[in-house]
Structures are given as structure tokens and as C-alpha cells.
mmCIF file of all heavy atoms, coordinates in Angstrom:
data_MODEL
# 
_entry.id   MODEL 
# 
loop_
_atom_site.group_PDB 
_atom_site.id 
_atom_site.type_symbol 
_atom_site.label_atom_id 
_atom_site.label_alt_id 
_atom_site.label_comp_id 
_atom_site.label_asym_id 
_atom_site.label_entity_id 
_atom_site.label_seq_id 
_atom_site.pdbx_PDB_ins_code 
_atom_site.Cartn_x 
_atom_site.Cartn_y 
_atom_site.Cartn_z 
_atom_site.occupancy 
_atom_site.B_iso_or_equiv 
_atom_site.pdbx_formal_charge 
_atom_site.auth_seq_id 
_atom_site.auth_comp_id 
_atom_site.auth_asym_id 
_atom_site.auth_atom_id 
_atom_site.pdbx_PDB_model_num 
ATOM 1   N N   . GLU A 1 1  ? 5.637   4.533   -4.351  1.00 0.00 ? 1  GLU A N   1 
ATOM 2   C CA  . GLU A 1 1  ? 5.600   4.823   -5.755  1.00 0.00 ? 1  GLU A CA  1 
ATOM 3   C C   . GLU A 1 1  ? 4.218   4.895   -6.341  1.00 0.00 ? 1  GLU A C   1 
ATOM 4   O O   . GLU A 1 1  ? 3.778   5.851   -7.015  1.00 0.00 ? 1  GLU A O   1 
ATOM 5   C CB  . GLU A 1 1  ? 6.500   3.863   -6.654  1.00 0.00 ? 1  GLU A CB  1 
ATOM 6   C CG  . GLU A 1 1  ? 6.594   4.102   -8.076  1.00 0.00 ? 1  GLU A CG  1 
ATOM 7   C CD  . GLU A 1 1  ? 7.185   2.914   -8.846  1.00 0.00 ? 1  GLU A CD  1 
ATOM 8   O OE1 . GLU A 1 1  ? 8.258   2.582   -8.344  1.00 0.00 ? 1  GLU A OE1 1 
ATOM 9   O OE2 . GLU A 1 1  ? 6.874   2.477   -9.827  1.00 0.00 ? 1  GLU A OE2 1 
ATOM 10  N N   . THR A 1 2  ? 3.490   3.804   -6.061  1.00 0.00 ? 2  THR A N   1 
ATOM 11  C CA  . THR A 1 2  ? 2.001   3.743   -6.589  1.00 0.00 ? 2  THR A CA  1 
ATOM 12  C C   . THR A 1 2  ? 1.223   4.945   -5.948  1.00 0.00 ? 2  THR A C   1 
ATOM 13  O O   . THR A 1 2  ? 0.421   5.475   -6.636  1.00 0.00 ? 2  THR A O   1 
ATOM 14  C CB  . THR A 1 2  ? 1.482   2.443   -6.140  1.00 0.00 ? 2  THR A CB  1 
ATOM 15  O OG1 . THR A 1 2  ? 2.390   1.369   -6.733  1.00 0.00 ? 2  THR A OG1 1 
ATOM 16  C CG2 . THR A 1 2  ? 0.046   2.191   -6.795  1.00 0.00 ? 2  THR A CG2 1 
ATOM 17  N N   . LEU A 1 3  ? 1.205   5.075   -4.667  1.00 0.00 ? 3  LEU A N   1 
ATOM 18  C CA  . LEU A 1 3  ? 0.461   6.216   -4.087  1.00 0.00 ? 3  LEU A CA  1 
ATOM 19  C C   . LEU A 1 3  ? 0.918   7.569   -4.407  1.00 0.00 ? 3  LEU A C   1 
ATOM 20  O O   . LEU A 1 3  ? 0.171   8.582   -4.153  1.00 0.00 ? 3  LEU A O   1 
ATOM 21  C CB  . LEU A 1 3  ? 0.458   6.046   -2.519  1.00 0.00 ? 3  LEU A CB  1 
ATOM 22  C CG  . LEU A 1 3  ? -0.331  4.661   -2.080  1.00 0.00 ? 3  LEU A CG  1 
ATOM 23  C CD1 . LEU A 1 3  ? -0.262  4.584   -0.572  1.00 0.00 ? 3  LEU A CD1 1 
ATOM 24  C CD2 . LEU A 1 3  ? -1.792  4.742   -2.424  1.00 0.00 ? 3  LEU A CD2 1 
ATOM 25  N N   . GLY A 1 4  ? 2.036   7.643   -4.968  1.00 0.00 ? 4  GLY A N   1 
ATOM 26  C CA  . GLY A 1 4  ? 2.524   8.963   -5.678  1.00 0.00 ? 4  GLY A CA  1 
ATOM 27  C C   . GLY A 1 4  ? 1.897   9.302   -7.001  1.00 0.00 ? 4  GLY A C   1 
ATOM 28  O O   . GLY A 1 4  ? 1.937   10.391  -7.456  1.00 0.00 ? 4  GLY A O   1 
ATOM 29  N N   . GLU A 1 5  ? 1.162   8.345   -7.519  1.00 0.00 ? 5  GLU A N   1 
ATOM 30  C CA  . GLU A 1 5  ? 0.458   8.595   -8.722  1.00 0.00 ? 5  GLU A CA  1 
ATOM 31  C C   . GLU A 1 5  ? -1.038  8.950   -8.465  1.00 0.00 ? 5  GLU A C   1 
ATOM 32  O O   . GLU A 1 5  ? -1.534  8.665   -7.369  1.00 0.00 ? 5  GLU A O   1 
ATOM 33  C CB  . GLU A 1 5  ? 0.336   7.198   -9.587  1.00 0.00 ? 5  GLU A CB  1 
ATOM 34  C CG  . GLU A 1 5  ? 1.721   6.678   -9.933  1.00 0.00 ? 5  GLU A CG  1 
ATOM 35  C CD  . GLU A 1 5  ? 1.641   5.216   -10.461 1.00 0.00 ? 5  GLU A CD  1 
ATOM 36  O OE1 . GLU A 1 5  ? 0.497   4.707   -10.595 1.00 0.00 ? 5  GLU A OE1 1 
ATOM 37  O OE2 . GLU A 1 5  ? 2.731   4.628   -10.693 1.00 0.00 ? 5  GLU A OE2 1 
ATOM 38  N N   . PRO A 1 6  ? -1.719  9.502   -9.500  1.00 0.00 ? 6  PRO A N   1 
ATOM 39  C CA  . PRO A 1 6  ? -3.118  9.912   -9.295  1.00 0.00 ? 6  PRO A CA  1 
ATOM 40  C C   . PRO A 1 6  ? -3.890  8.645   -8.888  1.00 0.00 ? 6  PRO A C   1 
ATOM 41  O O   . PRO A 1 6  ? -3.913  7.664   -9.573  1.00 0.00 ? 6  PRO A O   1 
ATOM 42  C CB  . PRO A 1 6  ? -3.582  10.503  -10.641 1.00 0.00 ? 6  PRO A CB  1 
ATOM 43  C CG  . PRO A 1 6  ? -2.300  10.985  -11.163 1.00 0.00 ? 6  PRO A CG  1 
ATOM 44  C CD  . PRO A 1 6  ? -1.168  10.002  -10.804 1.00 0.00 ? 6  PRO A CD  1 
ATOM 45  N N   . GLY A 1 7  ? -4.649  8.781   -7.852  1.00 0.00 ? 7  GLY A N   1 
ATOM 46  C CA  . GLY A 1 7  ? -5.500  7.647   -7.417  1.00 0.00 ? 7  GLY A CA  1 
ATOM 47  C C   . GLY A 1 7  ? -6.910  7.623   -7.941  1.00 0.00 ? 7  GLY A C   1 
ATOM 48  O O   . GLY A 1 7  ? -7.442  6.604   -8.168  1.00 0.00 ? 7  GLY A O   1 
ATOM 49  N N   . ASN A 1 8  ? -7.394  8.733   -8.310  1.00 0.00 ? 8  ASN A N   1 
ATOM 50  C CA  . ASN A 1 8  ? -8.783  8.906   -9.009  1.00 0.00 ? 8  ASN A CA  1 
ATOM 51  C C   . ASN A 1 8  ? -9.836  8.106   -8.117  1.00 0.00 ? 8  ASN A C   1 
ATOM 52  O O   . ASN A 1 8  ? -10.602 7.415   -8.766  1.00 0.00 ? 8  ASN A O   1 
ATOM 53  C CB  . ASN A 1 8  ? -8.683  8.407   -10.475 1.00 0.00 ? 8  ASN A CB  1 
ATOM 54  C CG  . ASN A 1 8  ? -7.697  9.317   -11.262 1.00 0.00 ? 8  ASN A CG  1 
ATOM 55  O OD1 . ASN A 1 8  ? -7.746  10.378  -11.124 1.00 0.00 ? 8  ASN A OD1 1 
ATOM 56  N ND2 . ASN A 1 8  ? -6.947  8.590   -11.965 1.00 0.00 ? 8  ASN A ND2 1 
ATOM 57  N N   . GLY A 1 9  ? -9.741  8.140   -6.818  1.00 0.00 ? 9  GLY A N   1 
ATOM 58  C CA  . GLY A 1 9  ? -10.658 7.424   -5.980  1.00 0.00 ? 9  GLY A CA  1 
ATOM 59  C C   . GLY A 1 9  ? -10.474 5.867   -5.810  1.00 0.00 ? 9  GLY A C   1 
ATOM 60  O O   . GLY A 1 9  ? -11.408 5.099   -5.394  1.00 0.00 ? 9  GLY A O   1 
ATOM 61  N N   . ARG A 1 10 ? -9.351  5.372   -6.324  1.00 0.00 ? 10 ARG A N   1 
ATOM 62  C CA  . ARG A 1 10 ? -9.052  3.997   -6.139  1.00 0.00 ? 10 ARG A CA  1 
ATOM 63  C C   . ARG A 1 10 ? -8.683  3.503   -4.841  1.00 0.00 ? 10 ARG A C   1 
ATOM 64  O O   . ARG A 1 10 ? -8.410  4.310   -3.873  1.00 0.00 ? 10 ARG A O   1 
ATOM 65  C CB  . ARG A 1 10 ? -7.921  3.555   -7.122  1.00 0.00 ? 10 ARG A CB  1 
ATOM 66  C CG  . ARG A 1 10 ? -8.437  3.544   -8.670  1.00 0.00 ? 10 ARG A CG  1 
ATOM 67  C CD  . ARG A 1 10 ? -7.272  3.189   -9.585  1.00 0.00 ? 10 ARG A CD  1 
ATOM 68  N NE  . ARG A 1 10 ? -6.208  4.266   -9.553  1.00 0.00 ? 10 ARG A NE  1 
ATOM 69  C CZ  . ARG A 1 10 ? -5.005  4.034   -9.871  1.00 0.00 ? 10 ARG A CZ  1 
ATOM 70  N NH1 . ARG A 1 10 ? -4.579  2.887   -10.411 1.00 0.00 ? 10 ARG A NH1 1 
ATOM 71  N NH2 . ARG A 1 10 ? -4.106  5.035   -9.839  1.00 0.00 ? 10 ARG A NH2 1 
ATOM 72  N N   . VAL A 1 11 ? -8.662  2.158   -4.624  1.00 0.00 ? 11 VAL A N   1 
ATOM 73  C CA  . VAL A 1 11 ? -8.113  1.576   -3.324  1.00 0.00 ? 11 VAL A CA  1 
ATOM 74  C C   . VAL A 1 11 ? -6.952  0.791   -3.710  1.00 0.00 ? 11 VAL A C   1 
ATOM 75  O O   . VAL A 1 11 ? -7.160  -0.119  -4.569  1.00 0.00 ? 11 VAL A O   1 
ATOM 76  C CB  . VAL A 1 11 ? -9.182  0.728   -2.800  1.00 0.00 ? 11 VAL A CB  1 
ATOM 77  C CG1 . VAL A 1 11 ? -8.763  -0.077  -1.428  1.00 0.00 ? 11 VAL A CG1 1 
ATOM 78  C CG2 . VAL A 1 11 ? -10.541 1.542   -2.339  1.00 0.00 ? 11 VAL A CG2 1 
ATOM 79  N N   . LEU A 1 12 ? -5.951  0.966   -2.980  1.00 0.00 ? 12 LEU A N   1 
ATOM 80  C CA  . LEU A 1 12 ? -4.671  0.167   -3.145  1.00 0.00 ? 12 LEU A CA  1 
ATOM 81  C C   . LEU A 1 12 ? -4.742  -0.937  -2.215  1.00 0.00 ? 12 LEU A C   1 
ATOM 82  O O   . LEU A 1 12 ? -4.836  -0.862  -1.036  1.00 0.00 ? 12 LEU A O   1 
ATOM 83  C CB  . LEU A 1 12 ? -3.467  1.025   -2.949  1.00 0.00 ? 12 LEU A CB  1 
ATOM 84  C CG  . LEU A 1 12 ? -2.077  0.247   -3.084  1.00 0.00 ? 12 LEU A CG  1 
ATOM 85  C CD1 . LEU A 1 12 ? -1.947  -0.216  -4.537  1.00 0.00 ? 12 LEU A CD1 1 
ATOM 86  C CD2 . LEU A 1 12 ? -0.896  0.988   -2.698  1.00 0.00 ? 12 LEU A CD2 1 
ATOM 87  N N   . VAL A 1 13 ? -4.649  -2.181  -2.715  1.00 0.00 ? 13 VAL A N   1 
ATOM 88  C CA  . VAL A 1 13 ? -4.676  -3.420  -1.997  1.00 0.00 ? 13 VAL A CA  1 
ATOM 89  C C   . VAL A 1 13 ? -3.238  -4.030  -1.951  1.00 0.00 ? 13 VAL A C   1 
ATOM 90  O O   . VAL A 1 13 ? -2.684  -4.223  -3.139  1.00 0.00 ? 13 VAL A O   1 
ATOM 91  C CB  . VAL A 1 13 ? -5.697  -4.569  -2.470  1.00 0.00 ? 13 VAL A CB  1 
ATOM 92  C CG1 . VAL A 1 13 ? -5.606  -5.864  -1.795  1.00 0.00 ? 13 VAL A CG1 1 
ATOM 93  C CG2 . VAL A 1 13 ? -7.052  -3.891  -2.387  1.00 0.00 ? 13 VAL A CG2 1 
ATOM 94  N N   . VAL A 1 14 ? -2.702  -4.094  -0.822  1.00 0.00 ? 14 VAL A N   1 
ATOM 95  C CA  . VAL A 1 14 ? -1.208  -4.525  -0.763  1.00 0.00 ? 14 VAL A CA  1 
ATOM 96  C C   . VAL A 1 14 ? -1.162  -5.898  -0.107  1.00 0.00 ? 14 VAL A C   1 
ATOM 97  O O   . VAL A 1 14 ? -1.455  -5.892  1.177   1.00 0.00 ? 14 VAL A O   1 
ATOM 98  C CB  . VAL A 1 14 ? -0.380  -3.500  0.127   1.00 0.00 ? 14 VAL A CB  1 
ATOM 99  C CG1 . VAL A 1 14 ? 1.030   -3.863  0.242   1.00 0.00 ? 14 VAL A CG1 1 
ATOM 100 C CG2 . VAL A 1 14 ? -0.554  -2.084  -0.437  1.00 0.00 ? 14 VAL A CG2 1 
ATOM 101 N N   . ASP A 1 15 ? -0.621  -6.881  -0.838  1.00 0.00 ? 15 ASP A N   1 
ATOM 102 C CA  . ASP A 1 15 ? -0.335  -8.237  -0.220  1.00 0.00 ? 15 ASP A CA  1 
ATOM 103 C C   . ASP A 1 15 ? 0.915   -8.102  0.274   1.00 0.00 ? 15 ASP A C   1 
ATOM 104 O O   . ASP A 1 15 ? 1.914   -8.340  -0.501  1.00 0.00 ? 15 ASP A O   1 
ATOM 105 C CB  . ASP A 1 15 ? -0.614  -9.250  -1.252  1.00 0.00 ? 15 ASP A CB  1 
ATOM 106 C CG  . ASP A 1 15 ? -0.254  -10.617 -0.622  1.00 0.00 ? 15 ASP A CG  1 
ATOM 107 O OD1 . ASP A 1 15 ? 0.199   -10.665 0.392   1.00 0.00 ? 15 ASP A OD1 1 
ATOM 108 O OD2 . ASP A 1 15 ? -0.610  -11.697 -1.376  1.00 0.00 ? 15 ASP A OD2 1 
ATOM 109 N N   . GLY A 1 16 ? 1.205   -7.914  1.540   1.00 0.00 ? 16 GLY A N   1 
ATOM 110 C CA  . GLY A 1 16 ? 2.484   -7.823  2.186   1.00 0.00 ? 16 GLY A CA  1 
ATOM 111 C C   . GLY A 1 16 ? 2.900   -9.168  2.837   1.00 0.00 ? 16 GLY A C   1 
ATOM 112 O O   . GLY A 1 16 ? 3.722   -9.194  3.737   1.00 0.00 ? 16 GLY A O   1 
ATOM 113 N N   . GLY A 1 17 ? 2.202   -10.312 2.477   1.00 0.00 ? 17 GLY A N   1 
ATOM 114 C CA  . GLY A 1 17 ? 2.589   -11.601 2.853   1.00 0.00 ? 17 GLY A CA  1 
ATOM 115 C C   . GLY A 1 17 ? 2.196   -11.779 4.286   1.00 0.00 ? 17 GLY A C   1 
ATOM 116 O O   . GLY A 1 17 ? 2.665   -12.791 4.907   1.00 0.00 ? 17 GLY A O   1 
ATOM 117 N N   . GLY A 1 18 ? 1.368   -10.912 4.845   1.00 0.00 ? 18 GLY A N   1 
ATOM 118 C CA  . GLY A 1 18 ? 0.940   -11.070 6.276   1.00 0.00 ? 18 GLY A CA  1 
ATOM 119 C C   . GLY A 1 18 ? 2.127   -10.747 7.278   1.00 0.00 ? 18 GLY A C   1 
ATOM 120 O O   . GLY A 1 18 ? 1.885   -11.074 8.444   1.00 0.00 ? 18 GLY A O   1 
ATOM 121 N N   . SER A 1 19 ? 3.225   -10.244 6.806   1.00 0.00 ? 19 SER A N   1 
ATOM 122 C CA  . SER A 1 19 ? 4.347   -10.073 7.711   1.00 0.00 ? 19 SER A CA  1 
ATOM 123 C C   . SER A 1 19 ? 3.941   -9.042  8.857   1.00 0.00 ? 19 SER A C   1 
ATOM 124 O O   . SER A 1 19 ? 3.328   -7.999  8.562   1.00 0.00 ? 19 SER A O   1 
ATOM 125 C CB  . SER A 1 19 ? 5.527   -9.398  6.972   1.00 0.00 ? 19 SER A CB  1 
ATOM 126 O OG  . SER A 1 19 ? 6.552   -9.035  7.909   1.00 0.00 ? 19 SER A OG  1 
ATOM 127 N N   . GLN A 1 20 ? 4.282   -9.353  9.983   1.00 0.00 ? 20 GLN A N   1 
ATOM 128 C CA  . GLN A 1 20 ? 4.132   -8.541  11.145  1.00 0.00 ? 20 GLN A CA  1 
ATOM 129 C C   . GLN A 1 20 ? 5.537   -8.207  11.784  1.00 0.00 ? 20 GLN A C   1 
ATOM 130 O O   . GLN A 1 20 ? 5.573   -7.869  13.004  1.00 0.00 ? 20 GLN A O   1 
ATOM 131 C CB  . GLN A 1 20 ? 3.197   -9.153  12.235  1.00 0.00 ? 20 GLN A CB  1 
ATOM 132 C CG  . GLN A 1 20 ? 1.892   -9.361  11.668  1.00 0.00 ? 20 GLN A CG  1 
ATOM 133 C CD  . GLN A 1 20 ? 0.773   -9.716  12.584  1.00 0.00 ? 20 GLN A CD  1 
ATOM 134 O OE1 . GLN A 1 20 ? 0.887   -9.478  13.807  1.00 0.00 ? 20 GLN A OE1 1 
ATOM 135 N NE2 . GLN A 1 20 ? -0.226  -10.613 12.144  1.00 0.00 ? 20 GLN A NE2 1 
ATOM 136 N N   . ARG A 1 21 ? 6.474   -7.992  10.960  1.00 0.00 ? 21 ARG A N   1 
ATOM 137 C CA  . ARG A 1 21 ? 7.887   -7.576  11.280  1.00 0.00 ? 21 ARG A CA  1 
ATOM 138 C C   . ARG A 1 21 ? 8.183   -6.128  11.136  1.00 0.00 ? 21 ARG A C   1 
ATOM 139 O O   . ARG A 1 21 ? 9.323   -5.794  11.569  1.00 0.00 ? 21 ARG A O   1 
ATOM 140 C CB  . ARG A 1 21 ? 8.942   -8.710  10.765  1.00 0.00 ? 21 ARG A CB  1 
ATOM 141 C CG  . ARG A 1 21 ? 8.691   -10.001 11.184  1.00 0.00 ? 21 ARG A CG  1 
ATOM 142 C CD  . ARG A 1 21 ? 9.758   -10.920 10.719  1.00 0.00 ? 21 ARG A CD  1 
ATOM 143 N NE  . ARG A 1 21 ? 9.985   -10.923 9.336   1.00 0.00 ? 21 ARG A NE  1 
ATOM 144 C CZ  . ARG A 1 21 ? 10.749  -11.788 8.695   1.00 0.00 ? 21 ARG A CZ  1 
ATOM 145 N NH1 . ARG A 1 21 ? 11.158  -12.865 9.427   1.00 0.00 ? 21 ARG A NH1 1 
ATOM 146 N NH2 . ARG A 1 21 ? 10.946  -11.807 7.382   1.00 0.00 ? 21 ARG A NH2 1 
ATOM 147 N N   . CYS A 1 22 ? 7.446   -5.556  10.222  1.00 0.00 ? 22 CYS A N   1 
ATOM 148 C CA  . CYS A 1 22 ? 7.639   -4.109  9.988   1.00 0.00 ? 22 CYS A CA  1 
ATOM 149 C C   . CYS A 1 22 ? 6.342   -3.477  9.408   1.00 0.00 ? 22 CYS A C   1 
ATOM 150 O O   . CYS A 1 22 ? 5.417   -4.335  8.948   1.00 0.00 ? 22 CYS A O   1 
ATOM 151 C CB  . CYS A 1 22 ? 8.863   -3.882  9.001   1.00 0.00 ? 22 CYS A CB  1 
ATOM 152 S SG  . CYS A 1 22 ? 8.528   -4.721  7.351   1.00 0.00 ? 22 CYS A SG  1 
ATOM 153 N N   . ALA A 1 23 ? 6.286   -2.202  9.281   1.00 0.00 ? 23 ALA A N   1 
ATOM 154 C CA  . ALA A 1 23 ? 5.223   -1.469  8.693   1.00 0.00 ? 23 ALA A CA  1 
ATOM 155 C C   . ALA A 1 23 ? 5.412   -1.162  7.187   1.00 0.00 ? 23 ALA A C   1 
ATOM 156 O O   . ALA A 1 23 ? 6.525   -0.878  6.738   1.00 0.00 ? 23 ALA A O   1 
ATOM 157 C CB  . ALA A 1 23 ? 5.019   -0.208  9.405   1.00 0.00 ? 23 ALA A CB  1 
ATOM 158 N N   . LEU A 1 24 ? 4.299   -1.248  6.481   1.00 0.00 ? 24 LEU A N   1 
ATOM 159 C CA  . LEU A 1 24 ? 4.413   -0.914  4.983   1.00 0.00 ? 24 LEU A CA  1 
ATOM 160 C C   . LEU A 1 24 ? 3.754   0.490   4.725   1.00 0.00 ? 24 LEU A C   1 
ATOM 161 O O   . LEU A 1 24 ? 3.969   1.004   3.595   1.00 0.00 ? 24 LEU A O   1 
ATOM 162 C CB  . LEU A 1 24 ? 3.649   -1.969  4.244   1.00 0.00 ? 24 LEU A CB  1 
ATOM 163 C CG  . LEU A 1 24 ? 4.249   -3.409  4.282   1.00 0.00 ? 24 LEU A CG  1 
ATOM 164 C CD1 . LEU A 1 24 ? 3.405   -4.412  3.642   1.00 0.00 ? 24 LEU A CD1 1 
ATOM 165 C CD2 . LEU A 1 24 ? 5.680   -3.356  3.662   1.00 0.00 ? 24 LEU A CD2 1 
ATOM 166 N N   . VAL A 1 25 ? 3.029   0.996   5.623   1.00 0.00 ? 25 VAL A N   1 
ATOM 167 C CA  . VAL A 1 25 ? 2.403   2.218   5.423   1.00 0.00 ? 25 VAL A CA  1 
ATOM 168 C C   . VAL A 1 25 ? 2.489   3.117   6.715   1.00 0.00 ? 25 VAL A C   1 
ATOM 169 O O   . VAL A 1 25 ? 2.251   2.607   7.822   1.00 0.00 ? 25 VAL A O   1 
ATOM 170 C CB  . VAL A 1 25 ? 0.883   2.252   4.954   1.00 0.00 ? 25 VAL A CB  1 
ATOM 171 C CG1 . VAL A 1 25 ? 0.193   3.532   5.050   1.00 0.00 ? 25 VAL A CG1 1 
ATOM 172 C CG2 . VAL A 1 25 ? 0.740   1.490   3.739   1.00 0.00 ? 25 VAL A CG2 1 
ATOM 173 N N   . GLY A 1 26 ? 2.954   4.340   6.585   1.00 0.00 ? 26 GLY A N   1 
ATOM 174 C CA  . GLY A 1 26 ? 3.012   5.171   7.583   1.00 0.00 ? 26 GLY A CA  1 
ATOM 175 C C   . GLY A 1 26 ? 2.413   6.563   7.318   1.00 0.00 ? 26 GLY A C   1 
ATOM 176 O O   . GLY A 1 26 ? 1.819   6.749   6.347   1.00 0.00 ? 26 GLY A O   1 
# 
């Protein structure tokens, strides 16, 4: 949802809790 919005050169920082059981970005 967030990356579907205009980024205007921003950086998205995602705190995924350090989980290594699945991927959050593909």
C-alpha cells in the first residue's frame, strides 16, 4: 500500500520484527 503511493525520492524503513520466516518485499 505504501509503495503504491508517490515516493518522491523517500526511503521506506520497514520494521518487520526481524522475522526470517517469510519475505516482506519481492
